[in-house]
Amino acid sequence: VPLGTGNLFARNIGLPHQNLEACVLEALHGAPHAVDTINLTLERAGGRTEQELSLVIAGGGLDAQVMADTGDELKQRAGWLAYGAAGLRHVMGPRKTITVELDGRDPATFRVRSVLLANCGILQAGMVLVPSARFDDAHMDTVLFTPRHALDWARILAKTTLRFTADIPVMRVRQAKTGRVTMAEPMPFQIDGDAVGEVISVRAVVDLSLIH
């Protein structure tokens, strides 16, 4: 039953998320379908680890800052549009250094404004952030945003709104079943729209689970 601010999982699996009665009927009587879950191990400064689960998009950097900076009261009044003001405040922030290792391949280092682990690719208003992301393909899509200035952000916006499938230099997308992201310094992180504080590394493993 979709109750979140953006209802992204409901949107991505095709539920009529604006019709609560129809969603309840689907929850009670719909057929089971296997979907991906991204099992996350978050490492905090000091070595403490936590286990979490993502169905939509988890990420560090800009997106986590936006989630943390958007108040519940504003979300209740404005819905998903509430994220826009926070996004404008943080979009031109500094890039951070991360190291990414996917499916056991050699790690690579990047300077990013944001890194996403995406199980779904459709956002609000019909925007498609990650065209290759599917909720039931047994893969996650790792997305690296490396913009340096406003023109680079314009390229990312154009790709998202016009639904280009090809990579652009400032937005790299790679599919994998396992991955590890290590931050050079603590980075704010979010899971499916909920800010969870700063982490120094994230390990992700995709699992195909049977849910209703």
C-alpha atoms as a PDB file:
ATOM      1  CA  VAL A   1       0.000   0.000   0.000  1.00  0.00           C
ATOM      2  CA  PRO A   2       1.785   3.198  -1.139  1.00  0.00           C
ATOM      3  CA  LEU A   3       1.999   5.764   1.651  1.00  0.00           C
ATOM      4  CA  GLY A   4       5.352   7.488   1.029  1.00  0.00           C
ATOM      5  CA  THR A   5       6.016  11.007  -0.223  1.00  0.00           C
ATOM      6  CA  GLY A   6       7.007   9.921  -3.724  1.00  0.00           C
ATOM      7  CA  ASN A   7       5.617   6.358  -3.824  1.00  0.00           C
ATOM      8  CA  LEU A   8       8.478   5.417  -6.149  1.00  0.00           C
ATOM      9  CA  PHE A   9       8.247   1.658  -5.662  1.00  0.00           C
ATOM     10  CA  ALA A  10       4.512   1.726  -6.377  1.00  0.00           C
ATOM     11  CA  ARG A  11       5.176   3.804  -9.507  1.00  0.00           C
ATOM     12  CA  ASN A  12       7.900   1.477 -10.751  1.00  0.00           C
ATOM     13  CA  ILE A  13       5.867  -1.720 -10.346  1.00  0.00           C
ATOM     14  CA  GLY A  14       2.861  -0.151 -12.064  1.00  0.00           C
ATOM     15  CA  LEU A  15       0.423   0.191  -9.153  1.00  0.00           C
ATOM     16  CA  PRO A  16      -2.310   2.847  -9.422  1.00  0.00           C
ATOM     17  CA  HIS A  17      -0.670   4.641  -6.502  1.00  0.00           C
ATOM     18  CA  GLN A  18      -3.249   7.457  -6.432  1.00  0.00           C
ATOM     19  CA  ASN A  19      -6.094   4.962  -5.936  1.00  0.00           C
ATOM     20  CA  LEU A  20      -5.774   3.590  -2.419  1.00  0.00           C
ATOM     21  CA  GLU A  21      -8.720   1.190  -2.757  1.00  0.00           C
ATOM     22  CA  ALA A  22      -7.269  -0.388  -5.895  1.00  0.00           C
ATOM     23  CA  CYS A  23      -3.895  -0.794  -4.184  1.00  0.00           C
ATOM     24  CA  VAL A  24      -5.494  -2.480  -1.168  1.00  0.00           C
ATOM     25  CA  LEU A  25      -7.320  -4.910  -3.463  1.00  0.00           C
ATOM     26  CA  GLU A  26      -4.060  -5.655  -5.262  1.00  0.00           C
ATOM     27  CA  ALA A  27      -2.282  -6.239  -1.948  1.00  0.00           C
ATOM     28  CA  LEU A  28      -4.982  -8.672  -0.806  1.00  0.00           C
ATOM     29  CA  HIS A  29      -5.712 -10.512  -4.039  1.00  0.00           C
ATOM     30  CA  GLY A  30      -2.850  -9.833  -6.466  1.00  0.00           C
ATOM     31  CA  ALA A  31      -0.459 -12.511  -7.675  1.00  0.00           C
ATOM     32  CA  PRO A  32       2.967 -12.814  -5.969  1.00  0.00           C
ATOM     33  CA  HIS A  33       5.899 -11.543  -8.023  1.00  0.00           C
ATOM     34  CA  ALA A  34       9.619 -11.906  -7.399  1.00  0.00           C
ATOM     35  CA  VAL A  35      11.421  -8.572  -7.000  1.00  0.00           C
ATOM     36  CA  ASP A  36      14.984  -7.559  -6.287  1.00  0.00           C
ATOM     37  CA  THR A  37      16.053  -6.419  -2.863  1.00  0.00           C
ATOM     38  CA  ILE A  38      19.401  -4.749  -2.267  1.00  0.00           C
ATOM     39  CA  ASN A  39      20.887  -5.979   0.996  1.00  0.00           C
ATOM     40  CA  LEU A  40      23.116  -3.235   2.404  1.00  0.00           C
ATOM     41  CA  THR A  41      25.872  -3.302   4.998  1.00  0.00           C
ATOM     42  CA  LEU A  42      26.570   0.231   6.186  1.00  0.00           C
ATOM     43  CA  GLU A  43      29.887   0.947   7.919  1.00  0.00           C
ATOM     44  CA  ARG A  44      30.091   3.958  10.222  1.00  0.00           C
ATOM     45  CA  ALA A  45      33.177   5.823  11.351  1.00  0.00           C
ATOM     46  CA  GLY A  46      34.654   3.787  14.187  1.00  0.00           C
ATOM     47  CA  GLY A  47      33.871   0.453  12.521  1.00  0.00           C
ATOM     48  CA  ARG A  48      30.248  -0.111  13.590  1.00  0.00           C
ATOM     49  CA  THR A  49      28.140  -1.827  10.898  1.00  0.00           C
ATOM     50  CA  GLU A  50      24.394  -1.981  10.272  1.00  0.00           C
ATOM     51  CA  GLN A  51      22.256  -4.146   8.001  1.00  0.00           C
ATOM     52  CA  GLU A  52      19.598  -2.427   5.901  1.00  0.00           C
ATOM     53  CA  LEU A  53      17.386  -3.194   2.895  1.00  0.00           C
ATOM     54  CA  SER A  54      16.567  -1.140  -0.195  1.00  0.00           C
ATOM     55  CA  LEU A  55      13.787  -1.664  -2.738  1.00  0.00           C
ATOM     56  CA  VAL A  56      14.079   1.592  -4.677  1.00  0.00           C
ATOM     57  CA  ILE A  57      17.259   3.711  -4.575  1.00  0.00           C
ATOM     58  CA  ALA A  58      19.947   4.064  -1.922  1.00  0.00           C
ATOM     59  CA  GLY A  59      22.622   6.683  -2.298  1.00  0.00           C
ATOM     60  CA  GLY A  60      25.287   8.920  -0.861  1.00  0.00           C
ATOM     61  CA  GLY A  61      26.079  12.578  -1.408  1.00  0.00           C
ATOM     62  CA  LEU A  62      23.643  15.095  -2.883  1.00  0.00           C
ATOM     63  CA  ASP A  63      20.520  12.931  -2.715  1.00  0.00           C
ATOM     64  CA  ALA A  64      21.118  12.127   0.962  1.00  0.00           C
ATOM     65  CA  GLN A  65      21.661  15.816   1.748  1.00  0.00           C
ATOM     66  CA  VAL A  66      18.368  16.659   0.063  1.00  0.00           C
ATOM     67  CA  MET A  67      16.478  13.968   1.993  1.00  0.00           C
ATOM     68  CA  ALA A  68      17.953  15.112   5.304  1.00  0.00           C
ATOM     69  CA  ASP A  69      17.180  18.771   4.585  1.00  0.00           C
ATOM     70  CA  THR A  70      13.508  18.300   3.634  1.00  0.00           C
ATOM     71  CA  GLY A  71      11.185  18.543   6.623  1.00  0.00           C
ATOM     72  CA  ASP A  72       8.183  16.272   7.166  1.00  0.00           C
ATOM     73  CA  GLU A  73       5.809  19.222   7.462  1.00  0.00           C
ATOM     74  CA  LEU A  74       6.849  20.585   4.075  1.00  0.00           C
ATOM     75  CA  LYS A  75       6.529  17.117   2.512  1.00  0.00           C
ATOM     76  CA  GLN A  76       2.993  16.834   3.864  1.00  0.00           C
ATOM     77  CA  ARG A  77       2.068  20.187   2.317  1.00  0.00           C
ATOM     78  CA  ALA A  78       3.906  19.983  -0.992  1.00  0.00           C
ATOM     79  CA  GLY A  79       4.482  16.253  -1.555  1.00  0.00           C
ATOM     80  CA  TRP A  80       7.524  15.287  -3.600  1.00  0.00           C
ATOM     81  CA  LEU A  81       7.910  18.878  -4.836  1.00  0.00           C
ATOM     82  CA  ALA A  82       9.247  19.679  -1.363  1.00  0.00           C
ATOM     83  CA  TYR A  83      12.572  18.131  -2.377  1.00  0.00           C
ATOM     84  CA  GLY A  84      13.130  20.853  -4.986  1.00  0.00           C
ATOM     85  CA  ALA A  85      14.051  23.647  -2.576  1.00  0.00           C
ATOM     86  CA  ALA A  86      16.564  21.466  -0.734  1.00  0.00           C
ATOM     87  CA  GLY A  87      17.998  20.324  -4.050  1.00  0.00           C
ATOM     88  CA  LEU A  88      18.682  23.893  -5.136  1.00  0.00           C
ATOM     89  CA  ARG A  89      20.466  24.605  -1.854  1.00  0.00           C
ATOM     90  CA  HIS A  90      22.848  21.656  -2.219  1.00  0.00           C
ATOM     91  CA  VAL A  91      23.237  20.990  -5.944  1.00  0.00           C
ATOM     92  CA  MET A  92      26.471  22.964  -6.409  1.00  0.00           C
ATOM     93  CA  GLY A  93      28.265  21.447  -3.416  1.00  0.00           C
ATOM     94  CA  PRO A  94      31.759  19.941  -3.639  1.00  0.00           C
ATOM     95  CA  ARG A  95      32.512  16.545  -5.120  1.00  0.00           C
ATOM     96  CA  LYS A  96      33.829  13.791  -2.866  1.00  0.00           C
ATOM     97  CA  THR A  97      36.260  10.936  -3.530  1.00  0.00           C
ATOM     98  CA  ILE A  98      34.908   7.380  -3.517  1.00  0.00           C
ATOM     99  CA  THR A  99      36.222   3.984  -4.587  1.00  0.00           C
ATOM    100  CA  VAL A 100      33.818   1.570  -6.300  1.00  0.00           C
ATOM    101  CA  GLU A 101      34.230  -2.189  -6.720  1.00  0.00           C
ATOM    102  CA  LEU A 102      31.568  -4.117  -8.667  1.00  0.00           C
ATOM    103  CA  ASP A 103      31.219  -7.903  -8.933  1.00  0.00           C
ATOM    104  CA  GLY A 104      34.763  -8.425  -7.674  1.00  0.00           C
ATOM    105  CA  ARG A 105      36.393  -6.455 -10.483  1.00  0.00           C
ATOM    106  CA  ASP A 106      39.295  -4.092  -9.869  1.00  0.00           C
ATOM    107  CA  PRO A 107      38.214  -1.056  -7.844  1.00  0.00           C
ATOM    108  CA  ALA A 108      38.114   2.377  -9.474  1.00  0.00           C
ATOM    109  CA  THR A 109      38.248   5.803  -7.843  1.00  0.00           C
ATOM    110  CA  PHE A 110      35.970   8.722  -8.787  1.00  0.00           C
ATOM    111  CA  ARG A 111      35.192  12.266  -7.689  1.00  0.00           C
ATOM    112  CA  VAL A 112      31.400  12.343  -7.365  1.00  0.00           C
ATOM    113  CA  ARG A 113      28.618  14.616  -6.252  1.00  0.00           C
ATOM    114  CA  SER A 114      26.385  11.605  -5.721  1.00  0.00           C
ATOM    115  CA  VAL A 115      26.489   7.811  -5.998  1.00  0.00           C
ATOM    116  CA  LEU A 116      23.312   5.743  -6.301  1.00  0.00           C
ATOM    117  CA  LEU A 117      22.517   2.058  -5.951  1.00  0.00           C
ATOM    118  CA  ALA A 118      19.315   1.809  -7.966  1.00  0.00           C
ATOM    119  CA  ASN A 119      16.808  -1.023  -8.013  1.00  0.00           C
ATOM    120  CA  CYS A 120      14.262   1.158  -9.851  1.00  0.00           C
ATOM    121  CA  GLY A 121      14.734   3.957 -12.358  1.00  0.00           C
ATOM    122  CA  ILE A 122      11.462   5.897 -12.638  1.00  0.00           C
ATOM    123  CA  LEU A 123      10.993   9.101 -10.636  1.00  0.00           C
ATOM    124  CA  GLN A 124       8.030  11.386 -10.134  1.00  0.00           C
ATOM    125  CA  ALA A 125       6.457  13.298 -13.034  1.00  0.00           C
ATOM    126  CA  GLY A 126       7.429  10.526 -15.441  1.00  0.00           C
ATOM    127  CA  MET A 127      11.151  11.260 -15.238  1.00  0.00           C
ATOM    128  CA  VAL A 128      13.384   8.260 -15.930  1.00  0.00           C
ATOM    129  CA  LEU A 129      16.623   8.626 -13.992  1.00  0.00           C
ATOM    130  CA  VAL A 130      18.059   5.188 -14.802  1.00  0.00           C
ATOM    131  CA  PRO A 131      16.475   3.644 -17.925  1.00  0.00           C
ATOM    132  CA  SER A 132      18.251   0.306 -17.447  1.00  0.00           C
ATOM    133  CA  ALA A 133      17.096  -0.217 -13.846  1.00  0.00           C
ATOM    134  CA  ARG A 134      14.501  -2.966 -13.398  1.00  0.00           C
ATOM    135  CA  PHE A 135      13.002  -4.099 -10.104  1.00  0.00           C
ATOM    136  CA  ASP A 136      13.116  -7.785 -11.073  1.00  0.00           C
ATOM    137  CA  ASP A 137      16.269  -8.305 -13.172  1.00  0.00           C
ATOM    138  CA  ALA A 138      18.523  -9.567 -10.322  1.00  0.00           C
ATOM    139  CA  HIS A 139      20.865  -6.582 -10.780  1.00  0.00           C
ATOM    140  CA  MET A 140      21.343  -3.142  -9.289  1.00  0.00           C
ATOM    141  CA  ASP A 141      22.407  -0.123 -11.322  1.00  0.00           C
ATOM    142  CA  THR A 142      25.296   1.817  -9.808  1.00  0.00           C
ATOM    143  CA  VAL A 143      25.075   5.449 -10.923  1.00  0.00           C
ATOM    144  CA  LEU A 144      27.971   7.902 -10.533  1.00  0.00           C
ATOM    145  CA  PHE A 145      27.287  11.619 -10.891  1.00  0.00           C
ATOM    146  CA  THR A 146      30.514  13.548 -11.507  1.00  0.00           C
ATOM    147  CA  PRO A 147      29.401  17.090 -12.513  1.00  0.00           C
ATOM    148  CA  ARG A 148      31.816  19.983 -12.080  1.00  0.00           C
ATOM    149  CA  HIS A 149      29.569  22.940 -12.908  1.00  0.00           C
ATOM    150  CA  ALA A 150      26.049  23.993 -13.925  1.00  0.00           C
ATOM    151  CA  LEU A 151      26.506  22.918 -17.562  1.00  0.00           C
ATOM    152  CA  ASP A 152      27.237  19.358 -16.450  1.00  0.00           C
ATOM    153  CA  TRP A 153      24.037  19.363 -14.376  1.00  0.00           C
ATOM    154  CA  ALA A 154      22.174  20.578 -17.466  1.00  0.00           C
ATOM    155  CA  ARG A 155      23.475  17.539 -19.364  1.00  0.00           C
ATOM    156  CA  ILE A 156      22.245  15.236 -16.604  1.00  0.00           C
ATOM    157  CA  LEU A 157      18.837  16.946 -16.577  1.00  0.00           C
ATOM    158  CA  ALA A 158      18.558  16.633 -20.354  1.00  0.00           C
ATOM    159  CA  LYS A 159      19.391  12.915 -20.224  1.00  0.00           C
ATOM    160  CA  THR A 160      16.823  12.340 -17.486  1.00  0.00           C
ATOM    161  CA  THR A 161      13.954  14.302 -19.037  1.00  0.00           C
ATOM    162  CA  LEU A 162      14.577  13.182 -22.629  1.00  0.00           C
ATOM    163  CA  ARG A 163      15.209   9.545 -21.578  1.00  0.00           C
ATOM    164  CA  PHE A 164      18.549   9.069 -23.339  1.00  0.00           C
ATOM    165  CA  THR A 165      19.804   5.516 -22.783  1.00  0.00           C
ATOM    166  CA  ALA A 166      23.452   6.151 -23.667  1.00  0.00           C
ATOM    167  CA  ASP A 167      25.982   7.055 -20.979  1.00  0.00           C
ATOM    168  CA  ILE A 168      27.189  10.625 -20.716  1.00  0.00           C
ATOM    169  CA  PRO A 169      30.614  11.408 -19.193  1.00  0.00           C
ATOM    170  CA  VAL A 170      29.170  13.039 -16.069  1.00  0.00           C
ATOM    171  CA  MET A 171      26.692  10.215 -15.363  1.00  0.00           C
ATOM    172  CA  ARG A 172      28.069   6.691 -15.502  1.00  0.00           C
ATOM    173  CA  VAL A 173      25.779   3.679 -15.053  1.00  0.00           C
ATOM    174  CA  ARG A 174      27.010   0.132 -14.438  1.00  0.00           C
ATOM    175  CA  GLN A 175      25.021  -2.999 -13.579  1.00  0.00           C
ATOM    176  CA  ALA A 176      26.185  -5.508 -11.000  1.00  0.00           C
ATOM    177  CA  LYS A 177      24.974  -8.119  -8.521  1.00  0.00           C
ATOM    178  CA  THR A 178      27.400  -7.105  -5.787  1.00  0.00           C
ATOM    179  CA  GLY A 179      29.255  -3.913  -5.039  1.00  0.00           C
ATOM    180  CA  ARG A 180      31.182  -1.957  -2.462  1.00  0.00           C
ATOM    181  CA  VAL A 181      31.498   1.815  -2.227  1.00  0.00           C
ATOM    182  CA  THR A 182      34.225   3.191   0.033  1.00  0.00           C
ATOM    183  CA  MET A 183      34.261   6.881   0.910  1.00  0.00           C
ATOM    184  CA  ALA A 184      37.482   8.833   1.484  1.00  0.00           C
ATOM    185  CA  GLU A 185      35.631  10.742   4.199  1.00  0.00           C
ATOM    186  CA  PRO A 186      32.241  10.215   5.891  1.00  0.00           C
ATOM    187  CA  MET A 187      29.383  10.847   3.465  1.00  0.00           C
ATOM    188  CA  PRO A 188      25.659  11.333   4.167  1.00  0.00           C
ATOM    189  CA  PHE A 189      23.574   8.383   2.975  1.00  0.00           C
ATOM    190  CA  GLN A 190      19.890   7.706   2.329  1.00  0.00           C
ATOM    191  CA  ILE A 191      17.843   4.557   1.753  1.00  0.00           C
ATOM    192  CA  ASP A 192      14.616   4.795  -0.248  1.00  0.00           C
ATOM    193  CA  GLY A 193      14.187   8.428   0.696  1.00  0.00           C
ATOM    194  CA  ASP A 194      15.105   8.166   4.377  1.00  0.00           C
ATOM    195  CA  ALA A 195      18.321   9.838   5.550  1.00  0.00           C
ATOM    196  CA  VAL A 196      20.385   7.429   7.682  1.00  0.00           C
ATOM    197  CA  GLY A 197      23.395   9.580   8.619  1.00  0.00           C
ATOM    198  CA  GLU A 198      27.006   9.421   7.490  1.00  0.00           C
ATOM    199  CA  VAL A 199      28.805   6.262   6.372  1.00  0.00           C
ATOM    200  CA  ILE A 200      32.356   5.440   5.342  1.00  0.00           C
ATOM    201  CA  SER A 201      31.517   2.395   3.221  1.00  0.00           C
ATOM    202  CA  VAL A 202      28.536   0.484   1.852  1.00  0.00           C
ATOM    203  CA  ARG A 203      28.450  -3.114   0.681  1.00  0.00           C
ATOM    204  CA  ALA A 204      25.485  -4.111  -1.504  1.00  0.00           C
ATOM    205  CA  VAL A 205      24.271  -7.566  -2.547  1.00  0.00           C
ATOM    206  CA  VAL A 206      21.238  -8.090  -4.769  1.00  0.00           C
ATOM    207  CA  ASP A 207      18.767 -10.792  -3.764  1.00  0.00           C
ATOM    208  CA  LEU A 208      15.679 -11.932  -5.667  1.00  0.00           C
ATOM    209  CA  SER A 209      12.871 -12.358  -3.149  1.00  0.00           C
ATOM    210  CA  LEU A 210       9.254 -13.415  -3.458  1.00  0.00           C
ATOM    211  CA  ILE A 211       6.976 -10.718  -2.064  1.00  0.00           C
ATOM    212  CA  HIS A 212       3.366  -9.681  -2.504  1.00  0.00           C
END
